[in-house]
């Protein structure tokens, strides 16, 4: 059985529960979220609120680029990079 990154799994659960277009398909880490209409611009803002609350990160305006929200894998990398910035910045 393939292991799933814990951040990816938390994102998958949130998106599946909150976005109807995600409920009808199995979201793997490479599923195009924007191109397949799972997330739109308002959905991205909902995800940002979730990311900030769930992972204790701050998403800046300059972070709001499509590349970060393309797939669960890209979102996971984004969250991990922000957590690293926060950890280094708070020392």
N, C-alpha and C. Protein backbone atom coordinates (compact mmCIF):
# COMPACT_ATOMS: atom_id res chain seq x y z
N UNK A 1 0.84 -1.19 0.00
CA UNK A 1 0.00 0.00 0.00
C UNK A 1 0.88 1.25 0.00
N UNK A 2 0.53 2.22 -0.82
CA UNK A 2 1.33 3.43 -0.94
C UNK A 2 1.01 4.37 0.23
N UNK A 3 2.06 4.91 0.86
CA UNK A 3 1.83 5.84 1.96
C UNK A 3 1.53 7.22 1.40
N UNK A 4 0.73 7.97 2.13
CA UNK A 4 0.35 9.31 1.72
C UNK A 4 0.93 10.31 2.71
N UNK A 5 1.46 11.39 2.19
CA UNK A 5 1.98 12.46 3.03
C UNK A 5 0.83 13.00 3.89
N UNK A 6 1.06 13.22 5.19
CA UNK A 6 -0.03 13.67 6.06
C UNK A 6 -0.64 15.00 5.64
N UNK A 7 0.16 15.92 5.12
CA UNK A 7 -0.39 17.20 4.65
C UNK A 7 -1.29 16.96 3.45
N UNK A 8 -0.84 16.12 2.53
CA UNK A 8 -1.65 15.80 1.35
C UNK A 8 -2.98 15.20 1.75
N UNK A 9 -2.96 14.30 2.71
CA UNK A 9 -4.20 13.65 3.14
C UNK A 9 -5.15 14.64 3.81
N UNK A 10 -4.65 15.54 4.62
CA UNK A 10 -5.51 16.55 5.24
C UNK A 10 -6.12 17.47 4.19
N UNK A 11 -5.32 17.82 3.19
CA UNK A 11 -5.83 18.64 2.09
C UNK A 11 -6.90 17.88 1.30
N UNK A 12 -6.65 16.60 1.02
CA UNK A 12 -7.61 15.78 0.26
C UNK A 12 -8.95 15.73 1.00
N UNK A 13 -8.92 15.51 2.30
CA UNK A 13 -10.15 15.42 3.09
C UNK A 13 -10.89 16.76 3.06
N UNK A 14 -10.17 17.85 3.28
CA UNK A 14 -10.82 19.17 3.28
C UNK A 14 -11.47 19.47 1.92
N UNK A 15 -10.72 19.28 0.86
CA UNK A 15 -11.24 19.61 -0.47
C UNK A 15 -12.42 18.71 -0.83
N UNK A 16 -12.34 17.44 -0.51
CA UNK A 16 -13.44 16.52 -0.79
C UNK A 16 -14.70 16.90 -0.01
N UNK A 17 -14.52 17.31 1.23
CA UNK A 17 -15.68 17.67 2.06
C UNK A 17 -16.29 19.02 1.68
N UNK A 18 -15.50 19.94 1.16
CA UNK A 18 -15.98 21.30 0.94
C UNK A 18 -16.26 21.70 -0.51
N UNK A 19 -15.85 20.88 -1.45
CA UNK A 19 -16.03 21.24 -2.85
C UNK A 19 -16.76 20.10 -3.59
N UNK A 20 -18.00 20.35 -3.98
CA UNK A 20 -18.82 19.30 -4.61
C UNK A 20 -18.15 18.64 -5.81
N UNK A 21 -17.42 19.37 -6.62
CA UNK A 21 -16.79 18.78 -7.81
C UNK A 21 -15.74 17.74 -7.44
N UNK A 22 -15.23 17.80 -6.22
CA UNK A 22 -14.22 16.84 -5.78
C UNK A 22 -14.84 15.54 -5.28
N UNK A 23 -16.10 15.58 -4.93
CA UNK A 23 -16.75 14.40 -4.34
C UNK A 23 -16.98 13.29 -5.36
N UNK A 24 -17.08 13.65 -6.61
CA UNK A 24 -17.42 12.66 -7.64
C UNK A 24 -16.20 11.96 -8.22
N UNK A 25 -15.02 12.24 -7.68
CA UNK A 25 -13.80 11.61 -8.21
C UNK A 25 -12.85 11.31 -7.07
N UNK A 26 -11.93 10.40 -7.34
CA UNK A 26 -10.87 10.11 -6.37
C UNK A 26 -9.75 11.10 -6.62
N UNK A 27 -9.45 11.92 -5.63
CA UNK A 27 -8.39 12.91 -5.79
C UNK A 27 -7.04 12.29 -5.47
N UNK A 28 -6.21 12.13 -6.48
CA UNK A 28 -4.84 11.73 -6.19
C UNK A 28 -3.99 12.99 -6.16
N UNK A 29 -2.75 12.84 -5.77
CA UNK A 29 -1.87 14.00 -5.57
C UNK A 29 -1.64 14.81 -6.84
N UNK A 30 -1.82 14.18 -8.01
CA UNK A 30 -1.57 14.87 -9.26
C UNK A 30 -2.81 15.37 -9.98
N UNK A 31 -3.97 15.20 -9.38
CA UNK A 31 -5.23 15.64 -10.00
C UNK A 31 -5.22 17.16 -10.18
N UNK A 32 -5.45 17.65 -11.40
CA UNK A 32 -5.49 19.11 -11.63
C UNK A 32 -6.72 19.73 -10.96
N UNK A 33 -6.49 20.51 -9.93
CA UNK A 33 -7.60 21.09 -9.17
C UNK A 33 -8.22 22.28 -9.88
N UNK A 34 -7.40 23.12 -10.47
CA UNK A 34 -7.91 24.31 -11.16
C UNK A 34 -8.42 23.94 -12.55
N UNK A 35 -7.63 23.21 -13.31
CA UNK A 35 -7.98 22.86 -14.69
C UNK A 35 -9.24 22.00 -14.76
N UNK A 36 -9.47 21.18 -13.74
CA UNK A 36 -10.65 20.30 -13.73
C UNK A 36 -11.86 20.93 -13.05
N UNK A 37 -11.74 22.21 -12.66
CA UNK A 37 -12.87 22.91 -12.09
C UNK A 37 -13.19 22.54 -10.65
N UNK A 38 -12.30 21.86 -9.98
CA UNK A 38 -12.53 21.52 -8.58
C UNK A 38 -12.40 22.77 -7.72
N UNK A 39 -11.39 23.58 -8.01
CA UNK A 39 -11.22 24.87 -7.35
C UNK A 39 -11.37 26.00 -8.35
N UNK A 40 -12.04 27.06 -7.93
CA UNK A 40 -12.08 28.30 -8.71
C UNK A 40 -11.47 29.38 -7.82
N UNK A 41 -11.56 30.63 -8.22
CA UNK A 41 -10.90 31.70 -7.46
C UNK A 41 -11.44 31.81 -6.03
N UNK A 42 -12.73 31.66 -5.85
CA UNK A 42 -13.29 31.70 -4.49
C UNK A 42 -12.88 30.47 -3.70
N UNK A 43 -12.80 29.34 -4.38
CA UNK A 43 -12.34 28.12 -3.73
C UNK A 43 -10.91 28.24 -3.24
N UNK A 44 -10.08 28.90 -4.02
CA UNK A 44 -8.69 29.12 -3.61
C UNK A 44 -8.66 29.91 -2.31
N UNK A 45 -9.51 30.92 -2.20
CA UNK A 45 -9.55 31.72 -0.97
C UNK A 45 -10.01 30.87 0.22
N UNK A 46 -10.96 29.97 0.00
CA UNK A 46 -11.39 29.05 1.06
C UNK A 46 -10.23 28.15 1.48
N UNK A 47 -9.49 27.65 0.51
CA UNK A 47 -8.35 26.79 0.81
C UNK A 47 -7.28 27.57 1.57
N UNK A 48 -7.06 28.82 1.20
CA UNK A 48 -6.08 29.64 1.91
C UNK A 48 -6.48 29.78 3.38
N UNK A 49 -7.73 30.04 3.66
CA UNK A 49 -8.19 30.14 5.05
C UNK A 49 -7.94 28.84 5.79
N UNK A 50 -8.22 27.73 5.13
CA UNK A 50 -7.96 26.42 5.73
C UNK A 50 -6.47 26.23 6.00
N UNK A 51 -5.63 26.55 5.02
CA UNK A 51 -4.18 26.38 5.19
C UNK A 51 -3.66 27.18 6.38
N UNK A 52 -4.11 28.41 6.49
CA UNK A 52 -3.63 29.26 7.57
C UNK A 52 -4.06 28.74 8.93
N UNK A 53 -5.30 28.27 9.03
CA UNK A 53 -5.80 27.76 10.31
C UNK A 53 -5.23 26.39 10.64
N UNK A 54 -5.22 25.51 9.67
CA UNK A 54 -4.83 24.11 9.90
C UNK A 54 -3.33 23.94 10.09
N UNK A 55 -2.55 24.67 9.32
CA UNK A 55 -1.10 24.45 9.32
C UNK A 55 -0.32 25.60 9.97
N UNK A 56 -1.04 26.58 10.51
CA UNK A 56 -0.41 27.70 11.22
C UNK A 56 0.63 28.41 10.35
N UNK A 57 0.22 28.71 9.11
CA UNK A 57 1.09 29.43 8.19
C UNK A 57 0.41 30.74 7.79
N UNK A 58 1.17 31.63 7.22
CA UNK A 58 0.62 32.88 6.68
C UNK A 58 0.82 32.86 5.17
N UNK A 59 -0.27 33.00 4.46
CA UNK A 59 -0.23 33.03 3.00
C UNK A 59 -0.28 34.50 2.58
N UNK A 60 0.78 34.93 1.94
CA UNK A 60 0.91 36.32 1.51
C UNK A 60 0.25 36.49 0.13
N UNK A 61 -0.06 37.74 -0.22
CA UNK A 61 -0.65 38.02 -1.53
C UNK A 61 0.21 37.46 -2.66
N UNK A 62 1.54 37.58 -2.53
CA UNK A 62 2.42 37.10 -3.59
C UNK A 62 2.44 35.56 -3.70
N UNK A 63 1.88 34.87 -2.69
CA UNK A 63 1.77 33.41 -2.73
C UNK A 63 0.56 32.95 -3.54
N UNK A 64 -0.34 33.86 -3.84
CA UNK A 64 -1.59 33.51 -4.53
C UNK A 64 -1.37 33.40 -6.04
N UNK A 65 -0.59 32.41 -6.42
CA UNK A 65 -0.33 32.13 -7.83
C UNK A 65 -0.88 30.75 -8.16
N UNK A 66 -1.38 30.57 -9.37
CA UNK A 66 -1.99 29.28 -9.73
C UNK A 66 -1.10 28.08 -9.49
N UNK A 67 0.20 28.23 -9.66
CA UNK A 67 1.11 27.10 -9.52
C UNK A 67 1.01 26.43 -8.16
N UNK A 68 0.75 27.19 -7.12
CA UNK A 68 0.66 26.63 -5.77
C UNK A 68 -0.61 25.82 -5.57
N UNK A 69 -1.62 26.06 -6.38
CA UNK A 69 -2.93 25.44 -6.18
C UNK A 69 -3.31 24.46 -7.29
N UNK A 70 -2.36 24.11 -8.14
CA UNK A 70 -2.65 23.23 -9.28
C UNK A 70 -3.06 21.83 -8.87
N UNK A 71 -2.38 21.25 -7.89
CA UNK A 71 -2.61 19.87 -7.48
C UNK A 71 -2.43 19.75 -5.97
N UNK A 72 -2.85 18.62 -5.41
CA UNK A 72 -2.59 18.36 -4.00
C UNK A 72 -1.09 18.30 -3.73
N UNK A 73 -0.34 17.74 -4.67
CA UNK A 73 1.12 17.64 -4.50
C UNK A 73 1.73 19.04 -4.43
N UNK A 74 1.30 19.95 -5.31
CA UNK A 74 1.83 21.31 -5.30
C UNK A 74 1.44 22.04 -4.02
N UNK A 75 0.20 21.83 -3.56
CA UNK A 75 -0.23 22.44 -2.31
C UNK A 75 0.61 21.92 -1.13
N UNK A 76 0.91 20.64 -1.14
CA UNK A 76 1.72 20.05 -0.08
C UNK A 76 3.11 20.67 -0.05
N UNK A 77 3.74 20.80 -1.21
CA UNK A 77 5.06 21.43 -1.29
C UNK A 77 4.98 22.87 -0.79
N UNK A 78 3.94 23.58 -1.18
CA UNK A 78 3.75 24.96 -0.74
C UNK A 78 3.64 25.05 0.77
N UNK A 79 2.79 24.20 1.36
CA UNK A 79 2.61 24.21 2.82
C UNK A 79 3.92 23.90 3.52
N UNK A 80 4.61 22.88 3.05
CA UNK A 80 5.88 22.50 3.67
C UNK A 80 6.91 23.63 3.57
N UNK A 81 6.94 24.33 2.44
CA UNK A 81 7.89 25.43 2.29
C UNK A 81 7.52 26.58 3.22
N UNK A 82 6.24 26.86 3.38
CA UNK A 82 5.81 27.94 4.28
C UNK A 82 6.09 27.56 5.73
N UNK A 83 5.89 26.33 6.08
CA UNK A 83 6.19 25.90 7.46
C UNK A 83 7.68 26.05 7.74
N UNK A 84 8.52 25.79 6.76
CA UNK A 84 9.95 25.97 6.92
C UNK A 84 10.33 27.43 7.10
N UNK A 85 9.67 28.32 6.34
CA UNK A 85 9.94 29.76 6.44
C UNK A 85 9.52 30.25 7.82
N UNK A 86 8.35 29.81 8.29
CA UNK A 86 7.87 30.23 9.60
C UNK A 86 8.81 29.73 10.69
N UNK A 87 9.26 28.48 10.59
CA UNK A 87 10.14 27.91 11.61
C UNK A 87 11.47 28.67 11.68
N UNK A 88 12.03 29.00 10.54
CA UNK A 88 13.30 29.73 10.53
C UNK A 88 13.12 31.17 10.98
N UNK A 89 11.97 31.76 10.59
CA UNK A 89 11.74 33.16 10.91
C UNK A 89 11.41 33.41 12.37
N UNK A 90 10.95 32.40 13.09
CA UNK A 90 10.54 32.60 14.47
C UNK A 90 11.65 32.32 15.47
N UNK A 91 12.82 31.94 14.99
CA UNK A 91 13.92 31.60 15.91
C UNK A 91 14.55 32.82 16.50
